[in-house]
Amino acid sequence: MRLQRIFLTLVLCSFFSPAFSQSDKIYNFLNLGVDARSSALANSFVSAQDDVNSIFYNPAGLSTITTSQASVGFFKYLLDINSGNAAYGQQYKDIGYVGVGVRYVNYGNFKKFDEQSNEVGTFGANDLALSLGFAKNFTEKLSYGVNLKFIYSNIDEFSSTAIATDLGMLYNSPLDKLSAGISIMNLGTQLSKYASTKEDLPLNLTVGASKALDYLPLTVSVAFVNLTEEQDNFFDRFKNFAVGGEFVLNDYVNLRVGYSNQQRQDLKTGSGIGLAGFSAGLGIKVNRYRLDYGFNSMGNIGSTHRINVNFDL
């Protein structure tokens, strides 16, 4: 098992550097972007409104959905690594808003060797996180949200589980076309361990804001992510920022672009870096359905693609 886990860790660290910058943590797949829209906006989604996928970034965002919403999506990563996601949210009477979100990652198959380096077959690896969310308005403009999250991970016949909570607050002022959010994600502990020592979850503190411009059909979002990440200098934490822009072409088509400075820094490879950290996407809405596509550049390593279908119920 030790040799299997070392090998898989090396593979993941090589190809998932933006998400695995906290290398001493476990379940680092939780730092990956989830759906197509948020990823096209470089995951500057902590202040997002009226999107059920906000459950993955700030559970308080559930309080802004205007009707029952659902979303299903597929995420094509590097090599044979694939991921799926689904979310659902609705208002529950006058009590508040409830939601559920699930994300799944399959890392493909790896060759399996014994202690004498003899090949003895193959093994797989998978990650799963299930979130149950609740959000409620404090005031007309201020809301809070909380997720209860169950996490499962397995490598070959070995597995690990954890429980965590996500906490968030959202300020939303439609008159000013402004929203601001703060969330702390993955606050929890392992229930069962891969090895004899418990490992920490990838705690993620994020703050951000979104503003719809007055004279352009453009909404700009800015977020500072992973503010709990250890740095030699306190102010270096603020280099982990993301910026996204969503341009409304008409009632049916939205264009999106984004930039993640943390991802660009993590993906530096020698002298060439290409378009690492940049993202783009498209949203097409027809009646109660919305098709979203997201593209993220990883520079010299490659690129990733996501697609989601959102629909009002």
C-alpha atoms as a PDB file:
ATOM      1  CA  MET A   1       0.000   0.000   0.000  1.00  0.00           C
ATOM      2  CA  ARG A   2       2.818   2.440   0.852  1.00  0.00           C
ATOM      3  CA  LEU A   3       4.397   2.096  -2.621  1.00  0.00           C
ATOM      4  CA  GLN A   4       0.999   2.529  -4.291  1.00  0.00           C
ATOM      5  CA  ARG A   5       0.227   5.672  -2.377  1.00  0.00           C
ATOM      6  CA  ILE A   6       3.649   7.238  -2.972  1.00  0.00           C
ATOM      7  CA  PHE A   7       3.314   6.604  -6.702  1.00  0.00           C
ATOM      8  CA  LEU A   8      -0.202   8.018  -6.909  1.00  0.00           C
ATOM      9  CA  THR A   9       0.823  11.070  -4.878  1.00  0.00           C
ATOM     10  CA  LEU A  10       3.672  11.787  -7.292  1.00  0.00           C
ATOM     11  CA  VAL A  11       1.318  11.551 -10.252  1.00  0.00           C
ATOM     12  CA  LEU A  12      -1.253  13.828  -8.671  1.00  0.00           C
ATOM     13  CA  CYS A  13       1.295  16.398  -7.553  1.00  0.00           C
ATOM     14  CA  SER A  14       2.760  16.476 -11.064  1.00  0.00           C
ATOM     15  CA  PHE A  15      -0.537  17.129 -12.819  1.00  0.00           C
ATOM     16  CA  PHE A  16      -2.631  18.864 -10.168  1.00  0.00           C
ATOM     17  CA  SER A  17      -0.177  21.475  -8.890  1.00  0.00           C
ATOM     18  CA  PRO A  18      -2.774  24.266  -8.464  1.00  0.00           C
ATOM     19  CA  ALA A  19      -5.000  22.063  -6.360  1.00  0.00           C
ATOM     20  CA  PHE A  20      -2.262  20.265  -4.475  1.00  0.00           C
ATOM     21  CA  SER A  21      -0.224  23.247  -3.319  1.00  0.00           C
ATOM     22  CA  GLN A  22      -1.130  22.246   0.238  1.00  0.00           C
ATOM     23  CA  SER A  23       0.870  19.045  -0.148  1.00  0.00           C
ATOM     24  CA  ASP A  24       0.637  18.123   3.539  1.00  0.00           C
ATOM     25  CA  LYS A  25      -3.162  17.929   3.344  1.00  0.00           C
ATOM     26  CA  ILE A  26      -5.513  15.163   2.300  1.00  0.00           C
ATOM     27  CA  TYR A  27      -8.566  15.312  -0.027  1.00  0.00           C
ATOM     28  CA  ASN A  28      -6.974  18.098  -2.071  1.00  0.00           C
ATOM     29  CA  PHE A  29      -9.481  17.405  -4.868  1.00  0.00           C
ATOM     30  CA  LEU A  30     -11.751  19.697  -2.831  1.00  0.00           C
ATOM     31  CA  ASN A  31      -9.652  22.637  -4.063  1.00  0.00           C
ATOM     32  CA  LEU A  32     -10.383  21.905  -7.720  1.00  0.00           C
ATOM     33  CA  GLY A  33     -12.978  24.008  -9.524  1.00  0.00           C
ATOM     34  CA  VAL A  34     -16.308  22.259  -9.911  1.00  0.00           C
ATOM     35  CA  ASP A  35     -18.756  23.438 -12.570  1.00  0.00           C
ATOM     36  CA  ALA A  36     -18.210  25.021 -15.978  1.00  0.00           C
ATOM     37  CA  ARG A  37     -19.471  28.537 -15.215  1.00  0.00           C
ATOM     38  CA  SER A  38     -17.431  29.077 -12.044  1.00  0.00           C
ATOM     39  CA  SER A  39     -14.290  27.584 -13.610  1.00  0.00           C
ATOM     40  CA  ALA A  40     -14.569  29.873 -16.643  1.00  0.00           C
ATOM     41  CA  LEU A  41     -14.608  32.747 -14.127  1.00  0.00           C
ATOM     42  CA  ALA A  42     -11.407  31.381 -12.499  1.00  0.00           C
ATOM     43  CA  ASN A  43     -13.457  30.184  -9.492  1.00  0.00           C
ATOM     44  CA  SER A  44     -14.140  33.773  -8.354  1.00  0.00           C
ATOM     45  CA  PHE A  45     -17.527  32.461  -7.231  1.00  0.00           C
ATOM     46  CA  VAL A  46     -17.738  33.211  -3.501  1.00  0.00           C
ATOM     47  CA  SER A  47     -20.069  36.156  -4.246  1.00  0.00           C
ATOM     48  CA  ALA A  48     -22.137  34.403  -6.948  1.00  0.00           C
ATOM     49  CA  GLN A  49     -25.903  34.871  -7.045  1.00  0.00           C
ATOM     50  CA  ASP A  50     -28.818  32.798  -8.329  1.00  0.00           C
ATOM     51  CA  ASP A  51     -26.719  29.732  -9.175  1.00  0.00           C
ATOM     52  CA  VAL A  52     -27.209  26.412  -7.394  1.00  0.00           C
ATOM     53  CA  ASN A  53     -23.516  25.567  -7.886  1.00  0.00           C
ATOM     54  CA  SER A  54     -22.644  28.244  -5.339  1.00  0.00           C
ATOM     55  CA  ILE A  55     -23.113  25.446  -2.799  1.00  0.00           C
ATOM     56  CA  PHE A  56     -19.565  24.351  -3.719  1.00  0.00           C
ATOM     57  CA  TYR A  57     -18.068  27.810  -3.020  1.00  0.00           C
ATOM     58  CA  ASN A  58     -20.288  29.605  -0.508  1.00  0.00           C
ATOM     59  CA  PRO A  59     -23.413  27.892   0.853  1.00  0.00           C
ATOM     60  CA  ALA A  60     -24.957  31.301   1.591  1.00  0.00           C
ATOM     61  CA  GLY A  61     -25.399  31.709  -2.169  1.00  0.00           C
ATOM     62  CA  LEU A  62     -28.325  29.268  -2.004  1.00  0.00           C
ATOM     63  CA  SER A  63     -30.372  32.072  -0.461  1.00  0.00           C
ATOM     64  CA  THR A  64     -30.344  33.986  -3.776  1.00  0.00           C
ATOM     65  CA  ILE A  65     -31.858  31.338  -6.054  1.00  0.00           C
ATOM     66  CA  THR A  66     -35.170  32.599  -7.409  1.00  0.00           C
ATOM     67  CA  THR A  67     -36.623  29.178  -8.257  1.00  0.00           C
ATOM     68  CA  SER A  68     -35.785  25.522  -7.696  1.00  0.00           C
ATOM     69  CA  GLN A  69     -32.598  24.751  -9.638  1.00  0.00           C
ATOM     70  CA  ALA A  70     -30.631  21.685 -10.642  1.00  0.00           C
ATOM     71  CA  SER A  71     -27.295  21.196 -12.393  1.00  0.00           C
ATOM     72  CA  VAL A  72     -25.338  18.223 -13.722  1.00  0.00           C
ATOM     73  CA  GLY A  73     -21.874  18.375 -15.231  1.00  0.00           C
ATOM     74  CA  PHE A  74     -18.783  16.595 -16.492  1.00  0.00           C
ATOM     75  CA  PHE A  75     -15.149  17.627 -16.040  1.00  0.00           C
ATOM     76  CA  LYS A  76     -12.393  16.281 -18.313  1.00  0.00           C
ATOM     77  CA  TYR A  77      -9.013  16.625 -16.635  1.00  0.00           C
ATOM     78  CA  LEU A  78      -5.581  15.438 -17.745  1.00  0.00           C
ATOM     79  CA  LEU A  79      -4.646  11.878 -18.712  1.00  0.00           C
ATOM     80  CA  ASP A  80      -7.534   9.522 -17.846  1.00  0.00           C
ATOM     81  CA  ILE A  81      -8.796  11.646 -14.954  1.00  0.00           C
ATOM     82  CA  ASN A  82     -12.488  12.529 -15.113  1.00  0.00           C
ATOM     83  CA  SER A  83     -14.949  14.113 -12.731  1.00  0.00           C
ATOM     84  CA  GLY A  84     -18.693  14.589 -12.403  1.00  0.00           C
ATOM     85  CA  ASN A  85     -20.826  16.978 -10.373  1.00  0.00           C
ATOM     86  CA  ALA A  86     -24.473  17.545  -9.575  1.00  0.00           C
ATOM     87  CA  ALA A  87     -26.384  20.029  -7.428  1.00  0.00           C
ATOM     88  CA  TYR A  88     -29.942  20.844  -6.469  1.00  0.00           C
ATOM     89  CA  GLY A  89     -31.406  23.701  -4.430  1.00  0.00           C
ATOM     90  CA  GLN A  90     -34.798  25.112  -3.512  1.00  0.00           C
ATOM     91  CA  GLN A  91     -36.568  27.289  -0.982  1.00  0.00           C
ATOM     92  CA  TYR A  92     -38.208  25.284   1.795  1.00  0.00           C
ATOM     93  CA  LYS A  93     -41.373  27.050   2.911  1.00  0.00           C
ATOM     94  CA  ASP A  94     -40.448  30.114   4.992  1.00  0.00           C
ATOM     95  CA  ILE A  95     -37.723  28.270   6.871  1.00  0.00           C
ATOM     96  CA  GLY A  96     -34.889  28.885   4.425  1.00  0.00           C
ATOM     97  CA  TYR A  97     -33.153  27.339   1.434  1.00  0.00           C
ATOM     98  CA  VAL A  98     -31.886  23.774   1.190  1.00  0.00           C
ATOM     99  CA  GLY A  99     -29.519  22.168  -1.268  1.00  0.00           C
ATOM    100  CA  VAL A 100     -27.440  19.125  -2.032  1.00  0.00           C
ATOM    101  CA  GLY A 101     -24.217  18.899  -4.014  1.00  0.00           C
ATOM    102  CA  VAL A 102     -22.066  15.958  -5.017  1.00  0.00           C
ATOM    103  CA  ARG A 103     -18.709  15.811  -6.785  1.00  0.00           C
ATOM    104  CA  TYR A 104     -16.814  12.725  -7.882  1.00  0.00           C
ATOM    105  CA  VAL A 105     -13.309  12.222  -9.269  1.00  0.00           C
ATOM    106  CA  ASN A 106     -11.991   9.074 -10.949  1.00  0.00           C
ATOM    107  CA  TYR A 107      -8.216   8.957 -11.466  1.00  0.00           C
ATOM    108  CA  GLY A 108      -8.172   6.000 -13.838  1.00  0.00           C
ATOM    109  CA  ASN A 109      -6.203   2.784 -13.423  1.00  0.00           C
ATOM    110  CA  PHE A 110      -2.605   2.290 -12.326  1.00  0.00           C
ATOM    111  CA  LYS A 111      -0.302  -0.700 -12.550  1.00  0.00           C
ATOM    112  CA  LYS A 112       0.096  -2.539  -9.279  1.00  0.00           C
ATOM    113  CA  PHE A 113       3.393  -4.010  -8.048  1.00  0.00           C
ATOM    114  CA  ASP A 114       4.362  -6.122  -5.074  1.00  0.00           C
ATOM    115  CA  GLU A 115       7.357  -5.607  -2.771  1.00  0.00           C
ATOM    116  CA  GLN A 116       9.636  -7.315  -5.317  1.00  0.00           C
ATOM    117  CA  SER A 117       8.462  -4.983  -8.133  1.00  0.00           C
ATOM    118  CA  ASN A 118       6.490  -7.747  -9.825  1.00  0.00           C
ATOM    119  CA  GLU A 119       3.406  -6.505 -11.658  1.00  0.00           C
ATOM    120  CA  VAL A 120       0.326  -8.046 -10.054  1.00  0.00           C
ATOM    121  CA  GLY A 121      -2.515  -6.243 -11.797  1.00  0.00           C
ATOM    122  CA  THR A 122      -4.039  -2.800 -11.641  1.00  0.00           C
ATOM    123  CA  PHE A 123      -5.737  -0.608  -9.084  1.00  0.00           C
ATOM    124  CA  GLY A 124      -7.950   2.472  -9.178  1.00  0.00           C
ATOM    125  CA  ALA A 125      -8.438   5.598  -7.123  1.00  0.00           C
ATOM    126  CA  ASN A 126     -11.567   7.689  -6.539  1.00  0.00           C
ATOM    127  CA  ASP A 127     -12.732  10.657  -4.471  1.00  0.00           C
ATOM    128  CA  LEU A 128     -16.268  11.641  -3.509  1.00  0.00           C
ATOM    129  CA  ALA A 129     -17.766  14.541  -1.551  1.00  0.00           C
ATOM    130  CA  LEU A 130     -21.445  14.918  -0.655  1.00  0.00           C
ATOM    131  CA  SER A 131     -22.689  18.261   0.678  1.00  0.00           C
ATOM    132  CA  LEU A 132     -26.026  19.008   2.348  1.00  0.00           C
ATOM    133  CA  GLY A 133     -26.615  22.750   2.541  1.00  0.00           C
ATOM    134  CA  PHE A 134     -28.887  25.217   4.297  1.00  0.00           C
ATOM    135  CA  ALA A 135     -29.086  28.991   3.857  1.00  0.00           C
ATOM    136  CA  LYS A 136     -31.232  31.702   5.390  1.00  0.00           C
ATOM    137  CA  ASN A 137     -31.543  35.477   5.246  1.00  0.00           C
ATOM    138  CA  PHE A 138     -30.437  37.473   8.289  1.00  0.00           C
ATOM    139  CA  THR A 139     -31.806  40.646   6.762  1.00  0.00           C
ATOM    140  CA  GLU A 140     -33.020  41.688   3.337  1.00  0.00           C
ATOM    141  CA  LYS A 141     -29.417  41.987   2.107  1.00  0.00           C
ATOM    142  CA  LEU A 142     -27.425  39.663   4.383  1.00  0.00           C
ATOM    143  CA  SER A 143     -27.619  35.874   4.458  1.00  0.00           C
ATOM    144  CA  TYR A 144     -25.696  32.942   5.921  1.00  0.00           C
ATOM    145  CA  GLY A 145     -25.208  29.352   4.848  1.00  0.00           C
ATOM    146  CA  VAL A 146     -23.784  26.104   6.136  1.00  0.00           C
ATOM    147  CA  ASN A 147     -22.928  22.774   4.519  1.00  0.00           C
ATOM    148  CA  LEU A 148     -22.499  19.424   6.192  1.00  0.00           C
ATOM    149  CA  LYS A 149     -20.058  17.467   4.046  1.00  0.00           C
ATOM    150  CA  PHE A 150     -19.162  13.784   3.913  1.00  0.00           C
ATOM    151  CA  ILE A 151     -15.913  12.883   2.125  1.00  0.00           C
ATOM    152  CA  TYR A 152     -14.793   9.488   0.862  1.00  0.00           C
ATOM    153  CA  SER A 153     -11.520   8.530  -0.812  1.00  0.00           C
ATOM    154  CA  ASN A 154     -10.142   5.192  -1.881  1.00  0.00           C
ATOM    155  CA  ILE A 155      -6.922   3.836  -3.388  1.00  0.00           C
ATOM    156  CA  ASP A 156      -7.104   0.178  -4.391  1.00  0.00           C
ATOM    157  CA  GLU A 157      -8.775  -1.670  -1.497  1.00  0.00           C
ATOM    158  CA  PHE A 158      -7.844   1.023   1.011  1.00  0.00           C
ATOM    159  CA  SER A 159     -10.112   3.935   1.898  1.00  0.00           C
ATOM    160  CA  SER A 160     -10.466   6.989   4.087  1.00  0.00           C
ATOM    161  CA  THR A 161     -13.481   9.026   5.200  1.00  0.00           C
ATOM    162  CA  ALA A 162     -14.015  12.444   6.750  1.00  0.00           C
ATOM    163  CA  ILE A 163     -16.718  14.824   7.850  1.00  0.00           C
ATOM    164  CA  ALA A 164     -16.541  18.581   7.424  1.00  0.00           C
ATOM    165  CA  THR A 165     -18.567  21.759   7.388  1.00  0.00           C
ATOM    166  CA  ASP A 166     -18.563  24.803   5.106  1.00  0.00           C
ATOM    167  CA  LEU A 167     -19.628  28.189   6.472  1.00  0.00           C
ATOM    168  CA  GLY A 168     -20.448  31.283   4.462  1.00  0.00           C
ATOM    169  CA  MET A 169     -22.016  34.725   4.466  1.00  0.00           C
ATOM    170  CA  LEU A 170     -23.258  36.787   1.521  1.00  0.00           C
ATOM    171  CA  TYR A 171     -24.169  40.457   1.219  1.00  0.00           C
ATOM    172  CA  ASN A 172     -26.394  41.143  -1.780  1.00  0.00           C
ATOM    173  CA  SER A 173     -27.624  44.575  -2.828  1.00  0.00           C
ATOM    174  CA  PRO A 174     -29.600  44.328  -6.098  1.00  0.00           C
ATOM    175  CA  LEU A 175     -30.118  48.085  -6.213  1.00  0.00           C
ATOM    176  CA  ASP A 176     -26.356  48.662  -6.203  1.00  0.00           C
ATOM    177  CA  LYS A 177     -25.752  45.611  -8.428  1.00  0.00           C
ATOM    178  CA  LEU A 178     -23.214  44.514  -5.818  1.00  0.00           C
ATOM    179  CA  SER A 179     -22.609  41.346  -3.822  1.00  0.00           C
ATOM    180  CA  ALA A 180     -19.819  40.326  -1.442  1.00  0.00           C
ATOM    181  CA  GLY A 181     -19.123  36.977   0.146  1.00  0.00           C
ATOM    182  CA  ILE A 182     -16.898  35.169   2.582  1.00  0.00           C
ATOM    183  CA  SER A 183     -16.610  31.428   3.110  1.00  0.00           C
ATOM    184  CA  ILE A 184     -14.493  28.977   5.029  1.00  0.00           C
ATOM    185  CA  MET A 185     -14.559  25.531   3.469  1.00  0.00           C
ATOM    186  CA  ASN A 186     -13.562  22.028   4.588  1.00  0.00           C
ATOM    187  CA  LEU A 187     -13.498  22.651   8.323  1.00  0.00           C
ATOM    188  CA  GLY A 188     -13.479  19.102   9.662  1.00  0.00           C
ATOM    189  CA  THR A 189     -11.647  15.920  10.548  1.00  0.00           C
ATOM    190  CA  GLN A 190     -10.988  12.404   9.301  1.00  0.00           C
ATOM    191  CA  LEU A 191     -13.224   9.615  10.515  1.00  0.00           C
ATOM    192  CA  SER A 192     -11.048   6.833   9.135  1.00  0.00           C
ATOM    193  CA  LYS A 193      -7.433   7.105   8.019  1.00  0.00           C
ATOM    194  CA  TYR A 194      -5.325   5.713   5.202  1.00  0.00           C
ATOM    195  CA  ALA A 195      -2.397   5.330   7.587  1.00  0.00           C
ATOM    196  CA  SER A 196      -1.890   5.484  11.344  1.00  0.00           C
ATOM    197  CA  THR A 197      -1.744   9.300  11.464  1.00  0.00           C
ATOM    198  CA  LYS A 198      -4.630  11.662  10.918  1.00  0.00           C
ATOM    199  CA  GLU A 199      -4.137  14.201   8.134  1.00  0.00           C
ATOM    200  CA  ASP A 200      -5.539  17.713   7.917  1.00  0.00           C
ATOM    201  CA  LEU A 201      -8.228  18.714   5.442  1.00  0.00           C
ATOM    202  CA  PRO A 202      -7.446  21.520   2.938  1.00  0.00           C
ATOM    203  CA  LEU A 203      -8.983  24.450   4.805  1.00  0.00           C
ATOM    204  CA  ASN A 204      -9.851  27.278   2.416  1.00  0.00           C
ATOM    205  CA  LEU A 205     -10.796  30.813   3.482  1.00  0.00           C
ATOM    206  CA  THR A 206     -12.090  32.927   0.581  1.00  0.00           C
ATOM    207  CA  VAL A 207     -13.401  36.487   0.348  1.00  0.00           C
ATOM    208  CA  GLY A 208     -14.647  38.262  -2.749  1.00  0.00           C
ATOM    209  CA  ALA A 209     -17.105  40.601  -4.407  1.00  0.00           C
ATOM    210  CA  SER A 210     -19.042  40.986  -7.665  1.00  0.00           C
ATOM    211  CA  LYS A 211     -20.223  44.175  -9.323  1.00  0.00           C
ATOM    212  CA  ALA A 212     -22.431  44.629 -12.382  1.00  0.00           C
ATOM    213  CA  LEU A 213     -21.286  47.709 -14.260  1.00  0.00           C
ATOM    214  CA  ASP A 214     -23.744  50.519 -14.914  1.00  0.00           C
ATOM    215  CA  TYR A 215     -22.968  51.234 -18.568  1.00  0.00           C
ATOM    216  CA  LEU A 216     -21.815  47.828 -19.776  1.00  0.00           C
ATOM    217  CA  PRO A 217     -23.585  44.433 -19.657  1.00  0.00           C
ATOM    218  CA  LEU A 218     -20.608  43.110 -17.693  1.00  0.00           C
ATOM    219  CA  THR A 219     -20.310  41.686 -14.184  1.00  0.00           C
ATOM    220  CA  VAL A 220     -16.800  41.660 -12.696  1.00  0.00           C
ATOM    221  CA  SER A 221     -15.890  39.303  -9.835  1.00  0.00           C
ATOM    222  CA  VAL A 222     -12.769  39.353  -7.667  1.00  0.00           C
ATOM    223  CA  ALA A 223     -11.844  36.777  -5.020  1.00  0.00           C
ATOM    224  CA  PHE A 224      -8.918  36.110  -2.700  1.00  0.00           C
ATOM    225  CA  VAL A 225      -8.624  32.356  -2.153  1.00  0.00           C
ATOM    226  CA  ASN A 226      -6.694  30.021   0.156  1.00  0.00           C
ATOM    227  CA  LEU A 227      -6.049  32.814   2.641  1.00  0.00           C
ATOM    228  CA  THR A 228      -5.186  30.223   5.291  1.00  0.00           C
ATOM    229  CA  GLU A 229      -2.244  28.954   3.237  1.00  0.00           C
ATOM    230  CA  GLU A 230       1.057  29.379   5.094  1.00  0.00           C
ATOM    231  CA  GLN A 231       3.336  32.060   3.639  1.00  0.00           C
ATOM    232  CA  ASP A 232       6.663  33.549   4.740  1.00  0.00           C
ATOM    233  CA  ASN A 233       5.114  36.996   4.464  1.00  0.00           C
ATOM    234  CA  PHE A 234       1.507  37.615   5.568  1.00  0.00           C
ATOM    235  CA  PHE A 235       0.748  39.824   2.573  1.00  0.00           C
ATOM    236  CA  ASP A 236       1.894  37.093   0.167  1.00  0.00           C
ATOM    237  CA  ARG A 237      -1.433  35.392   0.892  1.00  0.00           C
ATOM    238  CA  PHE A 238      -3.151  38.039  -1.192  1.00  0.00           C
ATOM    239  CA  LYS A 239      -1.266  36.890  -4.287  1.00  0.00           C
ATOM    240  CA  ASN A 240      -3.817  34.068  -4.365  1.00  0.00           C
ATOM    241  CA  PHE A 241      -6.419  36.110  -6.207  1.00  0.00           C
ATOM    242  CA  ALA A 242      -8.805  35.392  -9.063  1.00  0.00           C
ATOM    243  CA  VAL A 243     -10.665  37.738 -11.394  1.00  0.00           C
ATOM    244  CA  GLY A 244     -13.617  36.870 -13.617  1.00  0.00           C
ATOM    245  CA  GLY A 245     -15.824  38.741 -16.044  1.00  0.00           C
ATOM    246  CA  GLU A 246     -19.209  37.715 -17.428  1.00  0.00           C
ATOM    247  CA  PHE A 247     -20.448  39.619 -20.472  1.00  0.00           C
ATOM    248  CA  VAL A 248     -24.130  39.392 -21.412  1.00  0.00           C
ATOM    249  CA  LEU A 249     -24.359  39.443 -25.213  1.00  0.00           C
ATOM    250  CA  ASN A 250     -28.151  39.063 -25.253  1.00  0.00           C
ATOM    251  CA  ASP A 251     -30.922  37.183 -23.473  1.00  0.00           C
ATOM    252  CA  TYR A 252     -29.500  33.872 -24.678  1.00  0.00           C
ATOM    253  CA  VAL A 253     -25.670  34.055 -24.675  1.00  0.00           C
ATOM    254  CA  ASN A 254     -23.090  34.985 -22.014  1.00  0.00           C
ATOM    255  CA  LEU A 255     -19.327  35.120 -22.563  1.00  0.00           C
ATOM    256  CA  ARG A 256     -16.929  34.550 -19.647  1.00  0.00           C
ATOM    257  CA  VAL A 257     -13.233  35.057 -19.019  1.00  0.00           C
ATOM    258  CA  GLY A 258     -11.078  34.627 -15.933  1.00  0.00           C
ATOM    259  CA  TYR A 259      -7.591  34.739 -14.502  1.00  0.00           C
ATOM    260  CA  SER A 260      -6.209  32.909 -11.454  1.00  0.00           C
ATOM    261  CA  ASN A 261      -2.909  34.280 -10.221  1.00  0.00           C
ATOM    262  CA  GLN A 262      -2.401  31.384  -7.817  1.00  0.00           C
ATOM    263  CA  GLN A 263      -2.812  28.842 -10.582  1.00  0.00           C
ATOM    264  CA  ARG A 264      -0.426  30.750 -12.848  1.00  0.00           C
ATOM    265  CA  GLN A 265       2.246  30.829 -10.140  1.00  0.00           C
ATOM    266  CA  ASP A 266       1.777  27.154  -9.299  1.00  0.00           C
ATOM    267  CA  LEU A 267       2.061  26.141 -12.955  1.00  0.00           C
ATOM    268  CA  LYS A 268       5.372  27.832 -13.699  1.00  0.00           C
ATOM    269  CA  THR A 269       7.564  25.329 -15.529  1.00  0.00           C
ATOM    270  CA  GLY A 270      10.975  26.608 -16.544  1.00  0.00           C
ATOM    271  CA  SER A 271      10.963  29.714 -18.711  1.00  0.00           C
ATOM    272  CA  GLY A 272       7.688  29.027 -20.544  1.00  0.00           C
ATOM    273  CA  ILE A 273       4.289  29.393 -18.934  1.00  0.00           C
ATOM    274  CA  GLY A 274       1.950  30.084 -21.840  1.00  0.00           C
ATOM    275  CA  LEU A 275      -1.624  30.936 -20.893  1.00  0.00           C
ATOM    276  CA  ALA A 276      -1.518  29.162 -17.536  1.00  0.00           C
ATOM    277  CA  GLY A 277      -4.085  30.588 -15.152  1.00  0.00           C
ATOM    278  CA  PHE A 278      -6.360  31.977 -17.862  1.00  0.00           C
ATOM    279  CA  SER A 279      -9.855  30.643 -18.465  1.00  0.00           C
ATOM    280  CA  ALA A 280     -12.815  31.260 -20.738  1.00  0.00           C
ATOM    281  CA  GLY A 281     -16.306  29.973 -21.279  1.00  0.00           C
ATOM    282  CA  LEU A 282     -19.733  30.297 -22.780  1.00  0.00           C
ATOM    283  CA  GLY A 283     -23.278  30.098 -21.464  1.00  0.00           C
ATOM    284  CA  ILE A 284     -26.293  29.501 -23.694  1.00  0.00           C
ATOM    285  CA  LYS A 285     -29.780  29.841 -22.227  1.00  0.00           C
ATOM    286  CA  VAL A 286     -32.914  28.492 -23.881  1.00  0.00           C
ATOM    287  CA  ASN A 287     -36.154  28.741 -21.939  1.00  0.00           C
ATOM    288  CA  ARG A 288     -35.463  27.195 -18.529  1.00  0.00           C
ATOM    289  CA  TYR A 289     -32.237  25.436 -19.578  1.00  0.00           C
ATOM    290  CA  ARG A 290     -28.669  26.767 -19.587  1.00  0.00           C
ATOM    291  CA  LEU A 291     -25.706  25.023 -21.187  1.00  0.00           C
ATOM    292  CA  ASP A 292     -22.313  26.105 -19.803  1.00  0.00           C
ATOM    293  CA  TYR A 293     -18.839  25.347 -21.126  1.00  0.00           C
ATOM    294  CA  GLY A 294     -15.573  26.169 -19.349  1.00  0.00           C
ATOM    295  CA  PHE A 295     -11.977  26.031 -20.575  1.00  0.00           C
ATOM    296  CA  ASN A 296      -8.958  26.362 -18.268  1.00  0.00           C
ATOM    297  CA  SER A 297      -5.384  26.604 -19.497  1.00  0.00           C
ATOM    298  CA  MET A 298      -2.652  24.866 -17.518  1.00  0.00           C
ATOM    299  CA  GLY A 299       0.152  26.241 -19.679  1.00  0.00           C
ATOM    300  CA  ASN A 300       2.688  23.703 -20.884  1.00  0.00           C
ATOM    301  CA  ILE A 301       0.910  20.896 -19.036  1.00  0.00           C
ATOM    302  CA  GLY A 302      -2.285  21.087 -21.073  1.00  0.00           C
ATOM    303  CA  SER A 303      -5.845  22.288 -20.598  1.00  0.00           C
ATOM    304  CA  THR A 304      -9.089  21.155 -19.013  1.00  0.00           C
ATOM    305  CA  HIS A 305     -12.699  21.235 -20.174  1.00  0.00           C
ATOM    306  CA  ARG A 306     -15.982  21.305 -18.279  1.00  0.00           C
ATOM    307  CA  ILE A 307     -19.597  21.211 -19.374  1.00  0.00           C
ATOM    308  CA  ASN A 308     -22.743  21.682 -17.281  1.00  0.00           C
ATOM    309  CA  VAL A 309     -26.458  21.706 -17.892  1.00  0.00           C
ATOM    310  CA  ASN A 310     -28.470  23.868 -15.491  1.00  0.00           C
ATOM    311  CA  PHE A 311     -32.234  23.959 -15.441  1.00  0.00           C
ATOM    312  CA  ASP A 312     -35.027  25.592 -13.443  1.00  0.00           C
ATOM    313  CA  LEU A 313     -37.701  23.345 -12.028  1.00  0.00           C
END
